[in-house]
Structure formats: structure tokens, C-alpha cells
Amino acid sequence: MLTESEPHYAQPLLKTPFHERARALSQLDAFVPWAGYTTVDVFTSVEQEYFAIRNASSLYDLTPMVKYRVAGPDALRFLNRLVTRDVTRLAPGKVAYTVWCDDEGHIIDDGTVFAIAPNEYRVCTGERQLDWFRASAIGFEVEIREVTEDVAALAVQGPTSCRLLKGVGLAGVERLKPFEHAELSMPRDAGAGSGALSLLVSRTGFTGDLGYELWMQPADAERVWDALMEFGSTRAVRPVGSRALNMARIEAGFLLPNVDFVSAAHTLYLGTERSPLELGLAWLVDFNKGHFTGRRALLAEAARPPRRRLVGLDIEGTKPAHNALLYGERSGRSEAGSVTSATWSPTTKRNLALAMVGAPYIATGSTLWADIYLNRELVWERRMMRARVVERPFFAPTRRRVTPPADF
């Protein structure tokens, strides 16, 4: 949010309502831009923050997530025409992950749709989509308004996240099932201030683990942060930055825009667009629900043999294959694809990657070779490491779906 002391042109990046709390805990002063806001990349160390996600609880500032209120008599018809998934089944209190495409069936972006009430929805996405949404809404009686600055958001992720939220007084959070949301109250004795706070709490996240996302008024943000940090001070709660979250989302097999795919609205070169089918998201495409943008192109694509597909890789060794080219033979003569995301997974003890590969190599169990370059004390080494196509997600603990979660 803009400070009163400086005009907007002197602040090229906005500050979230959690910014002052985050800066006070940032030992490295490592910030990165996201959707026009400045956000923490690393607080202390990537390793400490990663293990908070997997072994305790973590706080991640989700405020820059772009949010739209979609309301009106035709809100449901508009959304069902826009996205590839059938959202007519989305009752109030439910959340759905989905994607939307252009007329050629190329993905514009992904995001989540919250059913708030009859004829009222919230769409959350990583980049601004207002022009596309309004162009797609022609002929529908629907109002689309960006509410990003009106809603502060905090992701609380990890195996003890439910216990943490109950500890600050969010009664009933344990009854939320995955992809459900509810209005819950935080009592007046939780954190500084007076009066109960009303929060929208969803059992969603980007870690593939047990976790929740809290949506609140910006004025309440610091009070919620303080309450969580105070109760979690003896329970290893830790704020985390984008780099630790990225490790967790790769383990979960989740895709990141501008990393694993580029929006068709931004591509400059032919052939760099990607469809949901190529990205392994065919389960999000419902051809039986009626017409949606890109349906004809996706039907034609589904009827053809695939040309390429995003797959999961398990690679030999411990050095992540960042941006590595992939080959069908160790000799490197036949190029087969390239890695889009890579990490060493401390939890699974595996060298993981997401990669776009050609049709001959998309089957589970296929063998590829990753061309990895390492800088060891300013000396570059090249290693050709065996890679095997495996199923995603790489890490899927049962606790992510258990309701009620274990009480730590």
C-alpha cells in the first residue's frame, strides 16, 4: 500500500499490509517484485523456510495475488463460458482450480474460483486479466472489478497449520475440507486490538501439503500476523519467501506461469504457446459442459496424437537440472525437450524436475538424458545425467486431505 509520505511515482512497487512485519524479520533484505508489489524472496535461509513448510507451519504473504469480484445475474454463465472446467457444480463455500484459454486453445492463465454466494464469485490469478475478462464478458450481465488492494491474504501452510489457526481462535477451521472456504471469526483476545475479526478461510495452497489461506481486510493484516507469530513462537512457525515456496510447489507438481508456461497473451514467437493438454491439465478440460473459449481447438488437439507434454522427471545425482536441455541419447545427438523447473527435494531425497518433452518420451518410465552445467568455484563442469519420466505429484502426503487434520 502507498505511504502518505511519498507520491505513487516515487514508489514503483507497492507495499502489502504485511510489509512492515515482513521487513522487520527479513535478515537478508531480499525482495522480489510480484504483480506490482514488493515481496520477500528469502527471510533467513531457503533451507530453514522450506523445512517450516514441510515440518511445522509457515506464513507467506499472498496479498499480491490478483483478485477479481465477478457478480451479477450472468456471473455463473460468464465464468462457465470463460474457463475450461465446469463451474456450474461449484456451490457457495467451494473453490475450484481452473484455467482459461484463447480461441486457439492456448492457455492464458490459471487460477482459483471462489463461490462466495449465488451470483457472486472471486477469481484469483497471478497476473492481471481485466482486459481479457471484460472482453469475454460482452453480452453477459455481469460486473467484473479488481479487488486486489481491498483484500489482504496470508497463506498458512504446513502439517501444524490447522493447530496454529485453532490456537488463535479460528473455531471450526478443522472442519474445512480441501477446496472449501468459510467465514470464521478470530476472537478479541487473539492479538492486539479490540473486537472480533472476520476472515474468509480457505483450505487451499501452493505447497501440496496441509494448509490454508486467510483473506481479510487490509486494516486487520498486522493483527492477524501478530497473533499467528505469537501463538506459533513455541511451535516453529516461520515466515517464508518465494524461493522456499517454489521448492514445495515443484514437489507438489504444480505449474508456475512464466516458468513452466508463458501466457498466450504474452508470447512473441510462434510455437511457444501451450495448451492445457500439453501441460498435463486435461483433467481440467470438460468437453461435455457446453461451449467455452478454445473448445473447438482443444477438441481437434485431443483427436490428434500428442506432439509434446509436460512431464515429471526423476534425475540421477543431487544437482538440480535448471534449464537443462534433454536428449534421447547420452551422446546428445537427438534433442528431446527441456527442463522448465528443477529442485533437489530434501523430503523425497530425489532430484526433481518438470520438463516439456517430445511425444516419443512422454510415457511414464521413459529414459532421457539431462545436460546439466555446474559452476564449481568458477570452473564450469558439464554432466549428462540419466532422467526417468515419473508420475506427478512427486510428494503427496495423506495429511493434505485428512479431515479433521491431526491435532499437534
Protein backbone atom coordinates (compact mmCIF):
# COMPACT_ATOMS: atom_id res chain seq x y z
CA MET A 1 0.00 0.00 0.00
CA LEU A 2 1.22 3.52 -0.70
CA THR A 3 2.54 5.50 2.23
CA GLU A 4 1.22 9.00 2.77
CA SER A 5 4.71 10.48 2.73
CA GLU A 6 5.56 9.58 -0.85
CA PRO A 7 3.61 10.04 -4.10
CA HIS A 8 2.89 6.96 -6.19
CA TYR A 9 5.52 7.78 -8.84
CA ALA A 10 8.24 7.64 -6.16
CA GLN A 11 7.17 4.12 -5.19
CA PRO A 12 7.41 1.93 -8.28
CA LEU A 13 6.46 -1.14 -6.22
CA LEU A 14 3.55 -1.18 -3.78
CA LYS A 15 3.86 -2.49 -0.25
CA THR A 16 1.45 -5.08 1.11
CA PRO A 17 -0.26 -4.64 4.51
CA PHE A 18 2.20 -7.23 5.88
CA HIS A 19 5.27 -5.42 4.53
CA GLU A 20 6.45 -3.78 7.76
CA ARG A 21 6.18 -7.05 9.69
CA ALA A 22 7.98 -8.92 6.93
CA ARG A 23 10.78 -6.37 6.62
CA ALA A 24 11.43 -6.49 10.35
CA LEU A 25 12.04 -10.27 10.09
CA SER A 26 13.99 -10.18 6.83
CA GLN A 27 17.65 -10.80 7.65
CA LEU A 28 18.82 -10.79 4.02
CA ASP A 29 16.74 -7.87 2.74
CA ALA A 30 15.99 -10.00 -0.33
CA PHE A 31 12.84 -8.76 -2.05
CA VAL A 32 11.41 -9.50 -5.49
CA PRO A 33 8.53 -7.93 -7.45
CA TRP A 34 5.22 -9.72 -7.89
CA ALA A 35 2.24 -8.18 -9.67
CA GLY A 36 3.35 -4.65 -8.83
CA TYR A 37 4.18 -5.37 -5.18
CA THR A 38 7.46 -5.96 -3.42
CA THR A 39 7.58 -9.37 -1.70
CA VAL A 40 10.17 -11.34 0.25
CA ASP A 41 12.31 -13.80 -1.67
CA VAL A 42 14.23 -15.16 1.34
CA PHE A 43 13.88 -14.18 5.01
CA THR A 44 16.76 -16.11 6.62
CA SER A 45 17.69 -19.16 4.56
CA VAL A 46 15.84 -21.17 1.95
CA GLU A 47 16.50 -24.39 3.86
CA GLN A 48 15.03 -23.17 7.16
CA GLU A 49 11.97 -21.82 5.42
CA TYR A 50 11.45 -24.96 3.34
CA PHE A 51 11.50 -27.19 6.42
CA ALA A 52 8.98 -24.92 8.14
CA ILE A 53 6.60 -25.67 5.27
CA ARG A 54 7.14 -29.41 5.49
CA ASN A 55 7.66 -29.92 9.26
CA ALA A 56 5.79 -27.16 11.09
CA SER A 57 3.90 -24.06 9.86
CA SER A 58 4.79 -21.21 7.52
CA LEU A 59 3.38 -17.78 6.71
CA TYR A 60 3.53 -16.49 3.14
CA ASP A 61 2.25 -13.08 2.06
CA LEU A 62 -0.28 -13.80 -0.67
CA THR A 63 -1.61 -10.25 -1.00
CA PRO A 64 -0.18 -9.59 -4.50
CA MET A 65 -2.33 -12.40 -5.88
CA VAL A 66 -4.61 -10.56 -8.31
CA LYS A 67 -8.25 -10.82 -7.23
CA TYR A 68 -11.45 -10.07 -9.12
CA ARG A 69 -15.03 -9.86 -7.91
CA VAL A 70 -17.36 -11.31 -10.52
CA ALA A 71 -21.02 -10.70 -9.74
CA GLY A 72 -24.37 -10.32 -11.47
CA PRO A 73 -27.23 -12.39 -12.88
CA ASP A 74 -24.94 -13.89 -15.55
CA ALA A 75 -21.85 -14.38 -13.36
CA LEU A 76 -22.03 -18.18 -13.47
CA ARG A 77 -22.79 -18.30 -17.19
CA PHE A 78 -19.89 -15.95 -17.89
CA LEU A 79 -17.39 -17.97 -15.83
CA ASN A 80 -18.52 -21.25 -17.36
CA ARG A 81 -18.02 -19.74 -20.81
CA LEU A 82 -14.60 -18.36 -19.84
CA VAL A 83 -12.89 -21.32 -18.15
CA THR A 84 -12.33 -24.90 -19.30
CA ARG A 85 -13.79 -26.52 -16.18
CA ASP A 86 -17.49 -26.95 -15.38
CA VAL A 87 -18.06 -24.42 -12.60
CA THR A 88 -21.84 -24.90 -12.55
CA ARG A 89 -21.12 -27.57 -9.94
CA LEU A 90 -19.38 -25.04 -7.71
CA ALA A 91 -21.68 -24.34 -4.77
CA PRO A 92 -21.14 -21.43 -2.36
CA GLY A 93 -18.35 -22.34 0.05
CA LYS A 94 -16.36 -24.23 -2.60
CA VAL A 95 -13.18 -23.40 -4.53
CA ALA A 96 -12.03 -24.75 -7.90
CA TYR A 97 -8.67 -24.61 -9.66
CA THR A 98 -9.06 -23.93 -13.36
CA VAL A 99 -7.52 -22.41 -16.50
CA TRP A 100 -8.76 -20.23 -19.35
CA CYS A 101 -7.64 -20.20 -22.98
CA ASP A 102 -7.75 -18.14 -26.14
CA ASP A 103 -9.67 -19.22 -29.25
CA GLU A 104 -6.74 -21.40 -30.38
CA GLY A 105 -6.87 -23.40 -27.15
CA HIS A 106 -3.66 -21.86 -25.79
CA ILE A 107 -3.60 -21.16 -22.09
CA ILE A 108 -3.95 -17.54 -20.97
CA ASP A 109 -3.55 -18.19 -17.25
CA ASP A 110 -4.59 -20.39 -14.36
CA GLY A 111 -6.23 -19.51 -11.08
CA THR A 112 -8.84 -20.34 -8.48
CA VAL A 113 -12.55 -19.54 -8.49
CA PHE A 114 -14.25 -18.99 -5.12
CA ALA A 115 -18.03 -19.34 -5.00
CA ILE A 116 -18.88 -16.64 -2.43
CA ALA A 117 -22.67 -16.58 -2.82
CA PRO A 118 -25.23 -17.17 -5.56
CA ASN A 119 -24.19 -14.95 -8.50
CA GLU A 120 -21.02 -13.80 -6.70
CA TYR A 121 -17.53 -15.20 -7.24
CA ARG A 122 -13.90 -14.28 -6.61
CA VAL A 123 -11.28 -15.18 -9.21
CA CYS A 124 -7.66 -15.22 -8.05
CA THR A 125 -4.78 -15.33 -10.51
CA GLY A 126 -1.10 -14.48 -10.71
CA GLU A 127 -1.35 -11.74 -13.34
CA ARG A 128 -3.87 -9.08 -14.24
CA GLN A 129 -6.61 -10.28 -16.57
CA LEU A 130 -9.16 -7.45 -16.52
CA ASP A 131 -8.97 -6.69 -20.26
CA TRP A 132 -9.42 -10.36 -21.19
CA PHE A 133 -12.23 -10.87 -18.69
CA ARG A 134 -14.15 -7.79 -19.82
CA ALA A 135 -13.74 -8.63 -23.50
CA SER A 136 -15.03 -12.13 -22.73
CA ALA A 137 -17.98 -10.69 -20.78
CA ILE A 138 -19.54 -8.89 -23.75
CA GLY A 139 -23.19 -9.93 -23.90
CA PHE A 140 -23.33 -11.05 -20.28
CA GLU A 141 -24.99 -9.13 -17.44
CA VAL A 142 -22.02 -9.27 -15.11
CA GLU A 143 -19.81 -6.84 -13.20
CA ILE A 144 -16.06 -7.53 -13.02
CA ARG A 145 -13.98 -5.46 -10.62
CA GLU A 146 -10.42 -5.84 -9.41
CA VAL A 147 -10.30 -6.01 -5.59
CA THR A 148 -6.61 -6.80 -5.09
CA GLU A 149 -5.94 -3.80 -2.86
CA ASP A 150 -9.15 -4.40 -0.89
CA VAL A 151 -8.16 -7.87 0.30
CA ALA A 152 -5.02 -8.84 2.22
CA ALA A 153 -4.13 -12.52 2.03
CA LEU A 154 -1.83 -14.81 4.01
CA ALA A 155 -1.02 -18.46 3.26
CA VAL A 156 -0.59 -20.63 6.37
CA GLN A 157 0.92 -23.92 5.22
CA GLY A 158 2.39 -26.98 6.91
CA PRO A 159 1.44 -30.04 8.98
CA THR A 160 0.71 -27.96 12.10
CA SER A 161 -1.19 -25.20 10.28
CA CYS A 162 -4.62 -26.31 11.46
CA ARG A 163 -3.45 -26.40 15.09
CA LEU A 164 -1.94 -22.94 14.66
CA LEU A 165 -5.20 -21.50 13.35
CA LYS A 166 -7.22 -23.14 16.11
CA GLY A 167 -4.73 -21.73 18.60
CA VAL A 168 -5.58 -18.15 17.58
CA GLY A 169 -9.28 -18.86 17.96
CA LEU A 170 -10.49 -19.75 14.45
CA ALA A 171 -13.03 -22.28 15.68
CA GLY A 172 -14.34 -24.64 13.03
CA VAL A 173 -11.29 -24.45 10.76
CA GLU A 174 -10.69 -28.16 11.33
CA ARG A 175 -14.00 -28.96 9.59
CA LEU A 176 -12.95 -27.40 6.29
CA LYS A 177 -12.29 -29.98 3.59
CA PRO A 178 -9.82 -29.38 0.73
CA PHE A 179 -11.11 -26.67 -1.63
CA GLU A 180 -13.71 -25.40 0.82
CA HIS A 181 -13.92 -21.95 2.39
CA ALA A 182 -15.89 -20.35 5.21
CA GLU A 183 -16.22 -17.07 7.10
CA LEU A 184 -14.61 -17.54 10.51
CA SER A 185 -14.04 -15.17 13.43
CA MET A 186 -10.86 -14.52 15.37
CA PRO A 187 -11.79 -13.53 18.96
CA ARG A 188 -10.82 -10.21 20.52
CA ASP A 189 -8.14 -11.76 22.76
CA ALA A 190 -6.17 -13.07 19.76
CA GLY A 191 -3.53 -10.45 19.12
CA ALA A 192 -3.58 -6.76 19.91
CA GLY A 193 -6.64 -4.69 19.31
CA SER A 194 -10.27 -5.00 20.22
CA GLY A 195 -13.23 -6.70 18.63
CA ALA A 196 -13.50 -9.97 16.76
CA LEU A 197 -12.11 -10.16 13.23
CA SER A 198 -13.96 -11.75 10.35
CA LEU A 199 -11.78 -13.73 7.94
CA LEU A 200 -12.52 -15.80 4.87
CA VAL A 201 -10.51 -19.01 5.38
CA SER A 202 -9.98 -21.47 2.52
CA ARG A 203 -8.30 -24.86 2.64
CA THR A 204 -6.14 -24.16 -0.38
CA GLY A 205 -2.46 -23.57 -1.08
CA PHE A 206 0.54 -23.91 -3.36
CA THR A 207 2.58 -26.42 -1.37
CA GLY A 208 0.73 -29.71 -1.88
CA ASP A 209 0.61 -30.06 1.91
CA LEU A 210 -1.94 -29.38 4.62
CA GLY A 211 -2.57 -25.67 4.51
CA TYR A 212 -4.96 -22.75 4.48
CA GLU A 213 -5.24 -19.27 3.03
CA LEU A 214 -6.62 -16.34 5.04
CA TRP A 215 -8.39 -13.46 3.26
CA MET A 216 -9.03 -10.31 5.30
CA GLN A 217 -9.41 -6.56 5.40
CA PRO A 218 -6.01 -4.82 4.94
CA ALA A 219 -6.53 -2.97 8.25
CA ASP A 220 -6.64 -6.33 10.07
CA ALA A 221 -3.49 -7.78 8.45
CA GLU A 222 -0.92 -6.91 11.11
CA ARG A 223 -3.18 -8.07 13.93
CA VAL A 224 -3.63 -11.46 12.26
CA TRP A 225 0.11 -11.76 11.57
CA ASP A 226 0.98 -10.86 15.19
CA ALA A 227 -1.48 -13.39 16.60
CA LEU A 228 -0.12 -16.20 14.44
CA MET A 229 3.51 -15.37 15.20
CA GLU A 230 2.82 -15.05 18.94
CA PHE A 231 1.00 -18.37 19.27
CA GLY A 232 3.47 -20.05 16.92
CA SER A 233 6.58 -18.75 18.70
CA THR A 234 6.98 -22.05 20.56
CA ARG A 235 5.83 -24.14 17.60
CA ALA A 236 8.49 -23.30 14.98
CA VAL A 237 6.22 -21.10 12.86
CA ARG A 238 8.29 -19.16 10.34
CA PRO A 239 7.57 -16.61 7.59
CA VAL A 240 8.77 -17.88 4.23
CA GLY A 241 9.72 -16.30 0.93
CA SER A 242 9.16 -17.21 -2.68
CA ARG A 243 12.23 -19.42 -3.09
CA ALA A 244 11.21 -21.87 -0.36
CA LEU A 245 7.64 -21.90 -1.67
CA ASN A 246 8.98 -22.69 -5.15
CA MET A 247 10.71 -25.83 -3.84
CA ALA A 248 7.46 -27.01 -2.25
CA ARG A 249 5.34 -26.33 -5.33
CA ILE A 250 7.74 -28.33 -7.54
CA GLU A 251 7.49 -31.27 -5.14
CA ALA A 252 3.72 -30.94 -5.45
CA GLY A 253 3.99 -30.89 -9.26
CA PHE A 254 2.27 -27.50 -9.55
CA LEU A 255 2.90 -25.21 -12.50
CA LEU A 256 4.15 -21.63 -12.29
CA PRO A 257 3.24 -19.10 -15.01
CA ASN A 258 6.23 -17.56 -16.82
CA VAL A 259 8.32 -20.52 -15.66
CA ASP A 260 6.53 -23.67 -16.83
CA PHE A 261 4.47 -21.89 -19.46
CA VAL A 262 4.08 -18.42 -20.93
CA SER A 263 0.64 -16.90 -21.27
CA ALA A 264 -0.60 -16.91 -24.86
CA ALA A 265 -1.32 -13.22 -24.32
CA HIS A 266 2.42 -12.53 -23.95
CA THR A 267 4.19 -14.95 -26.31
CA LEU A 268 6.18 -13.36 -29.13
CA TYR A 269 7.24 -16.44 -31.11
CA LEU A 270 5.05 -18.99 -32.84
CA GLY A 271 5.11 -22.39 -31.21
CA THR A 272 5.85 -21.17 -27.69
CA GLU A 273 2.18 -21.17 -26.66
CA ARG A 274 0.97 -24.13 -24.63
CA SER A 275 -2.42 -25.78 -24.28
CA PRO A 276 -3.86 -27.37 -21.12
CA LEU A 277 -3.50 -30.77 -22.78
CA GLU A 278 0.22 -30.20 -23.38
CA LEU A 279 0.69 -29.07 -19.77
CA GLY A 280 -0.87 -32.24 -18.38
CA LEU A 281 -4.04 -30.43 -17.34
CA ALA A 282 -6.51 -32.42 -19.43
CA TRP A 283 -8.43 -33.21 -16.22
CA LEU A 284 -9.40 -29.53 -16.10
CA VAL A 285 -10.99 -29.57 -19.56
CA ASP A 286 -14.67 -30.58 -19.64
CA PHE A 287 -15.82 -31.04 -23.22
CA ASN A 288 -19.30 -32.08 -22.06
CA LYS A 289 -20.30 -28.86 -20.31
CA GLY A 290 -21.05 -26.88 -23.45
CA HIS A 291 -19.09 -24.25 -25.31
CA PHE A 292 -16.15 -22.39 -23.78
CA THR A 293 -13.36 -20.31 -25.29
CA GLY A 294 -10.91 -22.63 -27.03
CA ARG A 295 -13.17 -25.69 -27.02
CA ARG A 296 -13.07 -26.34 -30.78
CA ALA A 297 -9.28 -26.09 -30.91
CA LEU A 298 -8.86 -28.34 -27.89
CA LEU A 299 -11.25 -30.94 -29.33
CA ALA A 300 -9.18 -31.02 -32.52
CA GLU A 301 -5.97 -31.32 -30.50
CA ALA A 302 -7.39 -34.16 -28.38
CA ALA A 303 -8.23 -36.09 -31.55
CA ARG A 304 -4.60 -35.93 -32.76
CA PRO A 305 -1.60 -37.80 -31.38
CA PRO A 306 0.23 -35.52 -28.91
CA ARG A 307 3.30 -33.59 -30.09
CA ARG A 308 4.70 -32.80 -26.66
CA ARG A 309 3.74 -32.83 -23.00
CA LEU A 310 4.89 -31.52 -19.64
CA VAL A 311 6.13 -34.43 -17.54
CA GLY A 312 7.79 -35.07 -14.20
CA LEU A 313 11.40 -36.23 -14.11
CA ASP A 314 13.47 -38.07 -11.52
CA ILE A 315 17.10 -37.28 -12.35
CA GLU A 316 20.25 -39.01 -11.17
CA GLY A 317 22.54 -37.11 -8.81
CA THR A 318 21.87 -34.19 -6.49
CA LYS A 319 22.45 -31.17 -8.74
CA PRO A 320 19.20 -29.58 -9.98
CA ALA A 321 18.85 -29.53 -13.76
CA HIS A 322 17.94 -25.84 -14.05
CA ASN A 323 17.01 -25.02 -17.67
CA ALA A 324 18.74 -28.19 -18.88
CA LEU A 325 18.29 -29.46 -22.42
CA LEU A 326 17.11 -33.06 -22.63
CA TYR A 327 18.27 -35.70 -25.09
CA GLY A 328 17.08 -39.13 -26.11
CA GLU A 329 20.64 -40.49 -26.06
CA ARG A 330 23.62 -39.85 -23.83
CA SER A 331 25.60 -38.73 -26.85
CA GLY A 332 23.38 -35.65 -27.06
CA ARG A 333 22.60 -36.13 -30.75
CA SER A 334 18.79 -36.12 -30.56
CA GLU A 335 17.20 -33.26 -28.60
CA ALA A 336 14.04 -34.36 -26.79
CA GLY A 337 12.93 -31.34 -24.75
CA SER A 338 13.93 -29.01 -21.95
CA VAL A 339 13.51 -28.59 -18.20
CA THR A 340 11.20 -25.80 -17.02
CA SER A 341 11.51 -26.21 -13.22
CA ALA A 342 14.02 -28.14 -11.10
CA THR A 343 14.96 -28.65 -7.45
CA TRP A 344 16.67 -31.07 -5.12
CA SER A 345 13.89 -32.32 -2.84
CA PRO A 346 15.05 -32.68 0.79
CA THR A 347 11.86 -34.51 1.75
CA THR A 348 11.79 -37.13 -1.01
CA LYS A 349 15.62 -37.22 -1.37
CA ARG A 350 15.22 -37.00 -5.14
CA ASN A 351 16.43 -34.68 -7.87
CA LEU A 352 13.14 -33.48 -9.36
CA ALA A 353 12.18 -31.55 -12.46
CA LEU A 354 9.27 -30.57 -14.65
CA ALA A 355 10.03 -30.68 -18.35
CA MET A 356 8.40 -30.23 -21.73
CA VAL A 357 9.33 -33.25 -23.86
CA GLY A 358 8.52 -34.57 -27.31
CA ALA A 359 5.90 -37.26 -27.91
CA PRO A 360 8.30 -40.25 -28.04
CA TYR A 361 9.28 -39.62 -24.40
CA ILE A 362 6.03 -38.72 -22.64
CA ALA A 363 5.22 -42.23 -21.36
CA THR A 364 5.93 -42.94 -17.70
CA GLY A 365 9.20 -44.84 -17.41
CA SER A 366 10.80 -43.29 -20.49
CA THR A 367 14.51 -42.54 -20.21
CA LEU A 368 16.08 -39.21 -21.12
CA TRP A 369 19.45 -37.55 -20.53
CA ALA A 370 19.73 -34.14 -18.87
CA ASP A 371 22.60 -31.87 -19.90
CA ILE A 372 23.48 -30.17 -16.60
CA TYR A 373 26.08 -27.42 -16.23
CA LEU A 374 27.68 -26.79 -12.82
CA ASN A 375 29.80 -23.89 -11.63
CA ARG A 376 32.25 -25.21 -9.06
CA GLU A 377 34.42 -22.38 -7.75
CA LEU A 378 34.26 -20.55 -11.09
CA VAL A 379 35.06 -23.72 -13.03
CA TRP A 380 32.25 -24.96 -15.24
CA GLU A 381 31.53 -28.69 -15.47
CA ARG A 382 29.14 -30.48 -17.79
CA ARG A 383 27.32 -33.62 -16.67
CA MET A 384 25.00 -35.78 -18.73
CA MET A 385 22.67 -37.40 -16.16
CA ARG A 386 20.02 -40.05 -16.69
CA ALA A 387 16.43 -38.88 -16.17
CA ARG A 388 13.31 -41.02 -15.86
CA VAL A 389 9.75 -39.86 -16.57
CA VAL A 390 7.64 -40.35 -13.42
CA GLU A 391 4.14 -39.56 -12.25
CA ARG A 392 3.24 -36.29 -10.58
CA PRO A 393 2.89 -35.16 -7.83
CA PHE A 394 6.31 -36.13 -6.52
CA PHE A 395 5.21 -35.56 -2.91
CA ALA A 396 1.62 -36.04 -1.78
CA PRO A 397 1.28 -36.65 1.99
CA THR A 398 -2.04 -38.07 3.14
CA ARG A 399 -2.34 -35.25 5.71
CA ARG A 400 -3.14 -32.81 2.93
CA ARG A 401 -6.64 -34.32 2.61
CA VAL A 402 -7.40 -35.73 6.07
CA THR A 403 -10.40 -34.01 7.73
CA PRO A 404 -10.15 -33.12 10.54
CA PRO A 405 -6.35 -32.82 10.40
CA ALA A 406 -4.14 -34.30 13.10
CA ASP A 407 -4.00 -32.12 16.22
CA PHE A 408 -0.37 -31.38 17.07
